[in-house]
Structures are given as structure tokens and as C-alpha cells.
């Protein structure tokens, strides 16, 4: 175990002796990560000209206590897995918009990991916001469940598809697709993803700030206009002013310049 791993475990609230890199152990690390690392696009607005580097991501998430987008969260987790000897590949995917029933115009901009553990291949993704799978998802088509949400990877000739179905839903939702002949991307290549997400007019992440995080009983979603709390009692949306948004943002990610 290297220094990066120790800092990462401390950031998500895990002790070294609690960590194992079995499938069950990885699920535990994912659970702690998703309760500690917000999905947010604040760097798109606060530091749009800062290039993507491993050092920047580590400082942003591990030192400053902030969150990030898929290429930040998943690349960091990828580095931690790699440091611990997990066979892992960092790859790109294209996200599906279930509202419009079409693929997003920005192709191959989502970032995730594929791992091989105990003879099986799994999808690992802590960077899809509140749609992130809460557990590792096998590529062999087996359905896995976290609480009342189901996850499955399906496949055709050209693509794997990440699918999810939440409590009360009859039909599966498509999260994204990635090539069956996927190839690894380097950390250096992710600067292209950052520039597209930050500056392209078709990017859904440069229209306004958002922060999302899972909680032990649901989730929290924060935008400049609304604060949405989902828990056992249901979903409640509170209107916000920009000033209150800034105050709440500091509770999600701190210290934070908003």
C-alpha cells in the first residue's frame, strides 16, 4: 500500500485494517467513497483554465476536501486501485440521455474503470453522480443490487451497456455504453475530456453549478436554485437564493471558493 492509498482511505473515513481488495472489499470502499466524495462541476466555473493532472486532482480532492466530475473521481480511484495491485483499465464511454431517449452529442467523454478480480471483470464507477452504481457491476450480465436499485451490464456485438433500475421502476434505464473492444486511456489524455466538458457548448456540465452526494438514507442535490433532499420519507425540494447556495456548498465541499 502506497502513500496515495493511505491519504485516500483517510479522506473517505476508512482505516487501513478495514480495507481489502476482494469484490466485497471494493464494494465497501465504493460505499465510503460515495458518502464522502461529492460529484460536482464547480471547477468548471472556479478554475476553467487549470489543466488536468494527477497532482491537481489529488490536491483538489484529497487535500482541499472537494469533489469532482467523472474524469477526476474515477481517475483518482483508478490510481488507488492500481497502487494496490488491482488489474484495472481506465476507459471512456458515451452517456445516454433517458429524457430524450438519445445518446449525448459529446461522445466518449465519460470516464470509468474496468477491473479484473478473482477471475471476473467488473465495471467500477464513482463518477456518474446520483446514477453511479453503488457496487461493482459484472460484465457477464449478472444483475446486482444495492438496497432497491438494480444494476446490469448488457452487451451486443459492438458495445457494453450499463443499465440501472430504481425502486418502483418497471423498465431499465441506460446509463452509458462503451466499446466491447475498449482500450485504456492515459491520465494525460483526460485533459481533452476536461476541455470538452468545460468549454463545449453541448456539454451539460457548463450550464450551472451542481453538487450531488449520496447519504446513508438517500441523497442530496444542490444547485443555485434548489436543494433536493431524498431520504426514507421521500423527496423534498427547497428553493434557494444564490447566497444560501454558497453557504450550503461549503457544507458539501470545503474549503470551497464559490
C-alpha atoms as a PDB file:
ATOM      1  CA  UNK A   1       0.000   0.000   0.000  1.00  0.00           C
ATOM      2  CA  UNK A   2       1.389   3.363  -1.007  1.00  0.00           C
ATOM      3  CA  UNK A   3       1.068   6.877   0.321  1.00  0.00           C
ATOM      4  CA  UNK A   4      -1.753   7.784  -2.091  1.00  0.00           C
ATOM      5  CA  UNK A   5      -3.875   4.939  -0.753  1.00  0.00           C
ATOM      6  CA  UNK A   6      -3.354   5.956   2.861  1.00  0.00           C
ATOM      7  CA  UNK A   7      -4.415   9.537   2.120  1.00  0.00           C
ATOM      8  CA  UNK A   8      -7.405   8.300   0.106  1.00  0.00           C
ATOM      9  CA  UNK A   9      -8.567   5.985   2.903  1.00  0.00           C
ATOM     10  CA  UNK A  10      -8.287   8.826   5.393  1.00  0.00           C
ATOM     11  CA  UNK A  11     -10.277  11.113   3.066  1.00  0.00           C
ATOM     12  CA  UNK A  12     -13.197   8.653   2.876  1.00  0.00           C
ATOM     13  CA  UNK A  13     -13.068   7.643   6.535  1.00  0.00           C
ATOM     14  CA  UNK A  14     -11.626   4.117   6.298  1.00  0.00           C
ATOM     15  CA  UNK A  15      -8.908   2.640   8.480  1.00  0.00           C
ATOM     16  CA  UNK A  16      -6.160   0.664   6.744  1.00  0.00           C
ATOM     17  CA  UNK A  17      -7.130  -2.544   8.544  1.00  0.00           C
ATOM     18  CA  UNK A  18     -10.689  -2.260   7.195  1.00  0.00           C
ATOM     19  CA  UNK A  19      -9.534  -2.342   3.569  1.00  0.00           C
ATOM     20  CA  UNK A  20      -9.449  -5.408   1.346  1.00  0.00           C
ATOM     21  CA  UNK A  21      -9.382  -5.666  -2.425  1.00  0.00           C
ATOM     22  CA  UNK A  22     -11.820  -8.541  -2.798  1.00  0.00           C
ATOM     23  CA  UNK A  23     -15.145  -7.873  -4.562  1.00  0.00           C
ATOM     24  CA  UNK A  24     -16.841  -7.335  -1.195  1.00  0.00           C
ATOM     25  CA  UNK A  25     -13.976  -5.164  -0.018  1.00  0.00           C
ATOM     26  CA  UNK A  26     -14.113  -2.994  -3.127  1.00  0.00           C
ATOM     27  CA  UNK A  27     -17.855  -2.540  -2.631  1.00  0.00           C
ATOM     28  CA  UNK A  28     -17.126  -1.259   0.870  1.00  0.00           C
ATOM     29  CA  UNK A  29     -14.556   1.217  -0.463  1.00  0.00           C
ATOM     30  CA  UNK A  30     -17.067   2.384  -3.077  1.00  0.00           C
ATOM     31  CA  UNK A  31     -19.713   2.883  -0.387  1.00  0.00           C
ATOM     32  CA  UNK A  32     -17.397   5.010   1.743  1.00  0.00           C
ATOM     33  CA  UNK A  33     -16.235   6.955  -1.313  1.00  0.00           C
ATOM     34  CA  UNK A  34     -19.748   7.817  -2.420  1.00  0.00           C
ATOM     35  CA  UNK A  35     -20.653   9.081   1.049  1.00  0.00           C
ATOM     36  CA  UNK A  36     -17.529  11.257   1.187  1.00  0.00           C
ATOM     37  CA  UNK A  37     -16.665  12.467  -2.320  1.00  0.00           C
ATOM     38  CA  UNK A  38     -19.265  14.783  -3.881  1.00  0.00           C
ATOM     39  CA  UNK A  39     -19.958  14.721  -7.585  1.00  0.00           C
ATOM     40  CA  UNK A  40     -19.656  18.366  -8.587  1.00  0.00           C
ATOM     41  CA  UNK A  41     -18.745  20.585 -11.514  1.00  0.00           C
ATOM     42  CA  UNK A  42     -17.544  23.573  -9.512  1.00  0.00           C
ATOM     43  CA  UNK A  43     -14.065  23.524 -11.044  1.00  0.00           C
ATOM     44  CA  UNK A  44     -15.684  24.163 -14.436  1.00  0.00           C
ATOM     45  CA  UNK A  45     -16.629  27.603 -13.113  1.00  0.00           C
ATOM     46  CA  UNK A  46     -13.960  28.261 -10.481  1.00  0.00           C
ATOM     47  CA  UNK A  47     -10.847  27.124 -12.353  1.00  0.00           C
ATOM     48  CA  UNK A  48     -11.746  26.539 -16.021  1.00  0.00           C
ATOM     49  CA  UNK A  49      -8.200  27.070 -17.251  1.00  0.00           C
ATOM     50  CA  UNK A  50      -6.483  24.704 -14.818  1.00  0.00           C
ATOM     51  CA  UNK A  51      -5.252  21.679 -16.813  1.00  0.00           C
ATOM     52  CA  UNK A  52      -5.931  18.126 -15.724  1.00  0.00           C
ATOM     53  CA  UNK A  53      -3.015  16.471 -13.944  1.00  0.00           C
ATOM     54  CA  UNK A  54      -2.787  13.774 -11.327  1.00  0.00           C
ATOM     55  CA  UNK A  55      -1.258  16.265  -8.895  1.00  0.00           C
ATOM     56  CA  UNK A  56      -4.146  18.694  -9.407  1.00  0.00           C
ATOM     57  CA  UNK A  57      -6.776  16.001  -8.806  1.00  0.00           C
ATOM     58  CA  UNK A  58      -5.048  14.726  -5.679  1.00  0.00           C
ATOM     59  CA  UNK A  59      -4.740  18.235  -4.271  1.00  0.00           C
ATOM     60  CA  UNK A  60      -8.328  19.122  -5.156  1.00  0.00           C
ATOM     61  CA  UNK A  61      -9.988  16.016  -3.718  1.00  0.00           C
ATOM     62  CA  UNK A  62      -7.574  14.734  -1.074  1.00  0.00           C
ATOM     63  CA  UNK A  63      -6.019  17.938   0.265  1.00  0.00           C
ATOM     64  CA  UNK A  64      -8.737  20.554  -0.218  1.00  0.00           C
ATOM     65  CA  UNK A  65     -11.598  18.167   0.514  1.00  0.00           C
ATOM     66  CA  UNK A  66     -13.514  18.927  -2.679  1.00  0.00           C
ATOM     67  CA  UNK A  67     -15.319  16.633  -5.099  1.00  0.00           C
ATOM     68  CA  UNK A  68     -15.195  16.407  -8.865  1.00  0.00           C
ATOM     69  CA  UNK A  69     -16.509  15.102 -12.155  1.00  0.00           C
ATOM     70  CA  UNK A  70     -16.102  11.613 -13.596  1.00  0.00           C
ATOM     71  CA  UNK A  71     -12.625  12.136 -15.008  1.00  0.00           C
ATOM     72  CA  UNK A  72     -11.436  13.392 -11.610  1.00  0.00           C
ATOM     73  CA  UNK A  73     -13.175  10.963  -9.249  1.00  0.00           C
ATOM     74  CA  UNK A  74     -12.677   7.843 -11.336  1.00  0.00           C
ATOM     75  CA  UNK A  75      -9.093   8.605 -12.317  1.00  0.00           C
ATOM     76  CA  UNK A  76      -8.220   9.046  -8.636  1.00  0.00           C
ATOM     77  CA  UNK A  77      -9.883   5.762  -7.686  1.00  0.00           C
ATOM     78  CA  UNK A  78      -8.147   4.097 -10.638  1.00  0.00           C
ATOM     79  CA  UNK A  79      -4.767   5.219  -9.306  1.00  0.00           C
ATOM     80  CA  UNK A  80      -5.605   3.892  -5.840  1.00  0.00           C
ATOM     81  CA  UNK A  81      -6.689   0.523  -7.254  1.00  0.00           C
ATOM     82  CA  UNK A  82      -3.581   0.312  -9.391  1.00  0.00           C
ATOM     83  CA  UNK A  83      -1.364   1.128  -6.409  1.00  0.00           C
ATOM     84  CA  UNK A  84      -2.917  -1.832  -4.589  1.00  0.00           C
ATOM     85  CA  UNK A  85      -2.289  -4.308  -7.384  1.00  0.00           C
ATOM     86  CA  UNK A  86      -5.795  -4.429  -8.848  1.00  0.00           C
ATOM     87  CA  UNK A  87      -5.847  -5.221 -12.574  1.00  0.00           C
ATOM     88  CA  UNK A  88      -7.654  -2.152 -13.864  1.00  0.00           C
ATOM     89  CA  UNK A  89      -8.199  -0.158 -17.055  1.00  0.00           C
ATOM     90  CA  UNK A  90      -9.376   3.441 -17.289  1.00  0.00           C
ATOM     91  CA  UNK A  91     -11.744   3.760 -20.255  1.00  0.00           C
ATOM     92  CA  UNK A  92     -14.244   6.165 -21.812  1.00  0.00           C
ATOM     93  CA  UNK A  93     -17.956   5.826 -22.542  1.00  0.00           C
ATOM     94  CA  UNK A  94     -20.861   7.721 -24.085  1.00  0.00           C
ATOM     95  CA  UNK A  95     -23.703   8.699 -21.750  1.00  0.00           C
ATOM     96  CA  UNK A  96     -27.361   8.111 -22.639  1.00  0.00           C
ATOM     97  CA  UNK A  97     -29.995  10.771 -22.006  1.00  0.00           C
ATOM     98  CA  UNK A  98     -33.107   8.899 -20.902  1.00  0.00           C
ATOM     99  CA  UNK A  99     -35.149  12.113 -21.032  1.00  0.00           C
ATOM    100  CA  UNK A 100     -34.603  12.488 -24.786  1.00  0.00           C
ATOM    101  CA  UNK A 101     -34.019   8.780 -25.485  1.00  0.00           C
ATOM    102  CA  UNK A 102     -30.800   9.536 -27.295  1.00  0.00           C
ATOM    103  CA  UNK A 103     -27.065   9.444 -26.797  1.00  0.00           C
ATOM    104  CA  UNK A 104     -25.405  12.659 -25.712  1.00  0.00           C
ATOM    105  CA  UNK A 105     -23.770  14.552 -28.540  1.00  0.00           C
ATOM    106  CA  UNK A 106     -20.425  14.502 -26.742  1.00  0.00           C
ATOM    107  CA  UNK A 107     -19.105  11.035 -27.474  1.00  0.00           C
ATOM    108  CA  UNK A 108     -16.662   9.157 -25.245  1.00  0.00           C
ATOM    109  CA  UNK A 109     -16.437  11.843 -22.567  1.00  0.00           C
ATOM    110  CA  UNK A 110     -17.497   9.763 -19.572  1.00  0.00           C
ATOM    111  CA  UNK A 111     -14.656   8.057 -17.700  1.00  0.00           C
ATOM    112  CA  UNK A 112     -14.869   4.823 -15.685  1.00  0.00           C
ATOM    113  CA  UNK A 113     -12.775   1.800 -14.752  1.00  0.00           C
ATOM    114  CA  UNK A 114     -12.900  -1.880 -15.648  1.00  0.00           C
ATOM    115  CA  UNK A 115     -11.289  -4.224 -13.139  1.00  0.00           C
ATOM    116  CA  UNK A 116     -10.457  -7.925 -13.090  1.00  0.00           C
ATOM    117  CA  UNK A 117     -10.767  -9.511  -9.655  1.00  0.00           C
ATOM    118  CA  UNK A 118     -10.883 -13.205  -8.785  1.00  0.00           C
ATOM    119  CA  UNK A 119     -11.266 -14.170 -12.424  1.00  0.00           C
ATOM    120  CA  UNK A 120     -14.160 -11.845 -13.248  1.00  0.00           C
ATOM    121  CA  UNK A 121     -14.441  -8.470 -14.996  1.00  0.00           C
ATOM    122  CA  UNK A 122     -16.386  -5.647 -13.360  1.00  0.00           C
ATOM    123  CA  UNK A 123     -17.385  -2.069 -14.078  1.00  0.00           C
ATOM    124  CA  UNK A 124     -16.365   0.430 -11.373  1.00  0.00           C
ATOM    125  CA  UNK A 125     -17.771   3.965 -11.459  1.00  0.00           C
ATOM    126  CA  UNK A 126     -17.961   6.532  -8.650  1.00  0.00           C
ATOM    127  CA  UNK A 127     -18.351   9.445 -11.082  1.00  0.00           C
ATOM    128  CA  UNK A 128     -21.851   9.281 -12.581  1.00  0.00           C
ATOM    129  CA  UNK A 129     -23.436  11.478  -9.946  1.00  0.00           C
ATOM    130  CA  UNK A 130     -26.537  10.031  -8.324  1.00  0.00           C
ATOM    131  CA  UNK A 131     -26.712   7.424 -11.098  1.00  0.00           C
ATOM    132  CA  UNK A 132     -23.367   5.935 -10.088  1.00  0.00           C
ATOM    133  CA  UNK A 133     -23.545   2.202  -9.379  1.00  0.00           C
ATOM    134  CA  UNK A 134     -23.228   1.651  -5.644  1.00  0.00           C
ATOM    135  CA  UNK A 135     -21.390  -1.640  -6.181  1.00  0.00           C
ATOM    136  CA  UNK A 136     -19.105  -3.189  -8.777  1.00  0.00           C
ATOM    137  CA  UNK A 137     -21.136  -4.489 -11.732  1.00  0.00           C
ATOM    138  CA  UNK A 138     -20.021  -7.684 -13.518  1.00  0.00           C
ATOM    139  CA  UNK A 139     -19.639  -7.567 -17.283  1.00  0.00           C
ATOM    140  CA  UNK A 140     -21.143 -11.058 -17.643  1.00  0.00           C
ATOM    141  CA  UNK A 141     -24.728  -9.782 -17.443  1.00  0.00           C
ATOM    142  CA  UNK A 142     -25.469 -10.826 -13.867  1.00  0.00           C
ATOM    143  CA  UNK A 143     -27.819  -8.416 -12.089  1.00  0.00           C
ATOM    144  CA  UNK A 144     -26.524  -6.952  -8.829  1.00  0.00           C
ATOM    145  CA  UNK A 145     -28.488  -4.950  -6.291  1.00  0.00           C
ATOM    146  CA  UNK A 146     -27.791  -2.211  -3.785  1.00  0.00           C
ATOM    147  CA  UNK A 147     -30.740  -1.600  -1.489  1.00  0.00           C
ATOM    148  CA  UNK A 148     -33.612  -1.311  -4.004  1.00  0.00           C
ATOM    149  CA  UNK A 149     -31.637  -0.338  -7.104  1.00  0.00           C
ATOM    150  CA  UNK A 150     -30.606  -2.980  -9.643  1.00  0.00           C
ATOM    151  CA  UNK A 151     -27.612  -2.789 -11.980  1.00  0.00           C
ATOM    152  CA  UNK A 152     -26.742  -4.806 -15.049  1.00  0.00           C
ATOM    153  CA  UNK A 153     -24.276  -4.694 -17.920  1.00  0.00           C
ATOM    154  CA  UNK A 154     -25.646  -5.988 -21.217  1.00  0.00           C
ATOM    155  CA  UNK A 155     -23.800  -6.492 -24.466  1.00  0.00           C
ATOM    156  CA  UNK A 156     -24.213  -6.591 -28.228  1.00  0.00           C
ATOM    157  CA  UNK A 157     -21.628  -7.006 -30.955  1.00  0.00           C
ATOM    158  CA  UNK A 158     -20.191  -3.508 -30.639  1.00  0.00           C
ATOM    159  CA  UNK A 159     -20.942  -2.235 -27.137  1.00  0.00           C
ATOM    160  CA  UNK A 160     -21.393  -2.972 -23.473  1.00  0.00           C
ATOM    161  CA  UNK A 161     -24.300  -1.083 -21.869  1.00  0.00           C
ATOM    162  CA  UNK A 162     -24.529  -0.067 -18.231  1.00  0.00           C
ATOM    163  CA  UNK A 163     -28.180  -0.220 -17.110  1.00  0.00           C
ATOM    164  CA  UNK A 164     -29.934   0.542 -13.842  1.00  0.00           C
ATOM    165  CA  UNK A 165     -33.452   0.236 -12.459  1.00  0.00           C
ATOM    166  CA  UNK A 166     -34.503   2.072  -9.332  1.00  0.00           C
ATOM    167  CA  UNK A 167     -37.198   1.131  -6.853  1.00  0.00           C
ATOM    168  CA  UNK A 168     -40.676   1.262  -8.362  1.00  0.00           C
ATOM    169  CA  UNK A 169     -39.475   1.417 -11.964  1.00  0.00           C
ATOM    170  CA  UNK A 170     -40.702  -1.171 -14.446  1.00  0.00           C
ATOM    171  CA  UNK A 171     -38.165  -0.514 -17.180  1.00  0.00           C
ATOM    172  CA  UNK A 172     -34.404  -0.374 -17.223  1.00  0.00           C
ATOM    173  CA  UNK A 173     -32.590   2.923 -17.771  1.00  0.00           C
ATOM    174  CA  UNK A 174     -29.450   3.092 -19.883  1.00  0.00           C
ATOM    175  CA  UNK A 175     -26.552   4.844 -18.214  1.00  0.00           C
ATOM    176  CA  UNK A 176     -23.940   4.669 -20.954  1.00  0.00           C
ATOM    177  CA  UNK A 177     -22.203   2.423 -23.454  1.00  0.00           C
ATOM    178  CA  UNK A 178     -18.576   1.571 -24.106  1.00  0.00           C
ATOM    179  CA  UNK A 179     -16.923  -0.438 -26.851  1.00  0.00           C
ATOM    180  CA  UNK A 180     -16.581  -4.193 -26.458  1.00  0.00           C
ATOM    181  CA  UNK A 181     -13.016  -3.770 -27.720  1.00  0.00           C
ATOM    182  CA  UNK A 182     -12.361  -0.959 -25.241  1.00  0.00           C
ATOM    183  CA  UNK A 183      -8.838   0.288 -24.763  1.00  0.00           C
ATOM    184  CA  UNK A 184      -7.242   2.070 -21.827  1.00  0.00           C
ATOM    185  CA  UNK A 185      -6.746   5.815 -21.791  1.00  0.00           C
ATOM    186  CA  UNK A 186      -3.879   7.525 -20.021  1.00  0.00           C
ATOM    187  CA  UNK A 187      -4.263  10.257 -17.441  1.00  0.00           C
ATOM    188  CA  UNK A 188      -2.667  12.650 -19.922  1.00  0.00           C
ATOM    189  CA  UNK A 189      -5.446  12.016 -22.426  1.00  0.00           C
ATOM    190  CA  UNK A 190      -8.094  13.144 -19.924  1.00  0.00           C
ATOM    191  CA  UNK A 191      -7.167  16.788 -20.474  1.00  0.00           C
ATOM    192  CA  UNK A 192      -9.141  16.507 -23.717  1.00  0.00           C
ATOM    193  CA  UNK A 193     -12.186  15.341 -21.753  1.00  0.00           C
ATOM    194  CA  UNK A 194     -11.769  18.218 -19.309  1.00  0.00           C
ATOM    195  CA  UNK A 195     -11.632  20.795 -22.095  1.00  0.00           C
ATOM    196  CA  UNK A 196     -14.725  19.383 -23.797  1.00  0.00           C
ATOM    197  CA  UNK A 197     -16.730  19.240 -20.567  1.00  0.00           C
ATOM    198  CA  UNK A 198     -15.602  22.742 -19.606  1.00  0.00           C
ATOM    199  CA  UNK A 199     -15.874  24.647 -22.873  1.00  0.00           C
ATOM    200  CA  UNK A 200     -18.029  22.795 -25.417  1.00  0.00           C
ATOM    201  CA  UNK A 201     -21.490  24.329 -25.889  1.00  0.00           C
ATOM    202  CA  UNK A 202     -23.012  20.838 -25.961  1.00  0.00           C
ATOM    203  CA  UNK A 203     -21.646  19.973 -22.533  1.00  0.00           C
ATOM    204  CA  UNK A 204     -24.368  19.554 -19.888  1.00  0.00           C
ATOM    205  CA  UNK A 205     -21.896  20.441 -17.140  1.00  0.00           C
ATOM    206  CA  UNK A 206     -21.042  24.057 -18.006  1.00  0.00           C
ATOM    207  CA  UNK A 207     -24.580  25.439 -17.754  1.00  0.00           C
ATOM    208  CA  UNK A 208     -24.665  25.903 -13.982  1.00  0.00           C
ATOM    209  CA  UNK A 209     -23.091  24.620 -10.771  1.00  0.00           C
ATOM    210  CA  UNK A 210     -24.306  21.419  -9.144  1.00  0.00           C
ATOM    211  CA  UNK A 211     -23.231  19.263  -6.229  1.00  0.00           C
ATOM    212  CA  UNK A 212     -24.592  15.775  -5.555  1.00  0.00           C
ATOM    213  CA  UNK A 213     -23.735  13.203  -2.924  1.00  0.00           C
ATOM    214  CA  UNK A 214     -25.195  10.019  -1.513  1.00  0.00           C
ATOM    215  CA  UNK A 215     -26.124   9.852   2.163  1.00  0.00           C
ATOM    216  CA  UNK A 216     -26.764   6.880   4.415  1.00  0.00           C
ATOM    217  CA  UNK A 217     -30.511   7.278   3.892  1.00  0.00           C
ATOM    218  CA  UNK A 218     -30.688   8.744   0.375  1.00  0.00           C
ATOM    219  CA  UNK A 219     -29.015  11.651  -1.361  1.00  0.00           C
ATOM    220  CA  UNK A 220     -28.574  15.405  -1.535  1.00  0.00           C
ATOM    221  CA  UNK A 221     -28.599  17.509  -4.704  1.00  0.00           C
ATOM    222  CA  UNK A 222     -27.657  21.167  -4.658  1.00  0.00           C
ATOM    223  CA  UNK A 223     -27.997  23.755  -7.427  1.00  0.00           C
ATOM    224  CA  UNK A 224     -28.136  27.574  -7.218  1.00  0.00           C
ATOM    225  CA  UNK A 225     -31.934  27.430  -7.329  1.00  0.00           C
ATOM    226  CA  UNK A 226     -32.853  24.262  -5.391  1.00  0.00           C
ATOM    227  CA  UNK A 227     -31.742  21.949  -2.606  1.00  0.00           C
ATOM    228  CA  UNK A 228     -33.243  18.469  -3.012  1.00  0.00           C
ATOM    229  CA  UNK A 229     -33.154  16.006  -0.121  1.00  0.00           C
ATOM    230  CA  UNK A 230     -34.089  12.383  -0.755  1.00  0.00           C
ATOM    231  CA  UNK A 231     -34.469  10.106   2.263  1.00  0.00           C
ATOM    232  CA  UNK A 232     -36.743   7.444   3.704  1.00  0.00           C
ATOM    233  CA  UNK A 233     -39.562   9.979   3.916  1.00  0.00           C
ATOM    234  CA  UNK A 234     -39.393  10.769   0.193  1.00  0.00           C
ATOM    235  CA  UNK A 235     -38.061  13.657  -1.861  1.00  0.00           C
ATOM    236  CA  UNK A 236     -38.251  17.275  -0.732  1.00  0.00           C
ATOM    237  CA  UNK A 237     -37.124  20.235  -2.831  1.00  0.00           C
ATOM    238  CA  UNK A 238     -36.318  23.588  -1.239  1.00  0.00           C
ATOM    239  CA  UNK A 239     -35.953  26.780  -3.315  1.00  0.00           C
ATOM    240  CA  UNK A 240     -32.684  28.634  -2.777  1.00  0.00           C
ATOM    241  CA  UNK A 241     -31.171  32.041  -3.252  1.00  0.00           C
ATOM    242  CA  UNK A 242     -27.604  32.311  -4.620  1.00  0.00           C
ATOM    243  CA  UNK A 243     -26.398  33.363  -1.174  1.00  0.00           C
ATOM    244  CA  UNK A 244     -27.863  30.305   0.546  1.00  0.00           C
ATOM    245  CA  UNK A 245     -26.439  28.102  -2.217  1.00  0.00           C
ATOM    246  CA  UNK A 246     -22.944  29.347  -1.388  1.00  0.00           C
ATOM    247  CA  UNK A 247     -23.444  28.621   2.293  1.00  0.00           C
ATOM    248  CA  UNK A 248     -24.726  25.100   1.642  1.00  0.00           C
ATOM    249  CA  UNK A 249     -21.990  24.418  -0.903  1.00  0.00           C
ATOM    250  CA  UNK A 250     -19.404  24.828   1.816  1.00  0.00           C
ATOM    251  CA  UNK A 251     -21.106  22.090   3.805  1.00  0.00           C
ATOM    252  CA  UNK A 252     -20.756  19.705   0.851  1.00  0.00           C
ATOM    253  CA  UNK A 253     -17.170  20.503  -0.150  1.00  0.00           C
ATOM    254  CA  UNK A 254     -14.854  22.558   1.984  1.00  0.00           C
ATOM    255  CA  UNK A 255     -12.886  24.740   1.876  1.00  0.00           C
ATOM    256  CA  UNK A 256     -14.514  25.804  -1.347  1.00  0.00           C
ATOM    257  CA  UNK A 257     -14.405  29.043  -3.321  1.00  0.00           C
ATOM    258  CA  UNK A 258     -17.909  29.612  -4.688  1.00  0.00           C
END
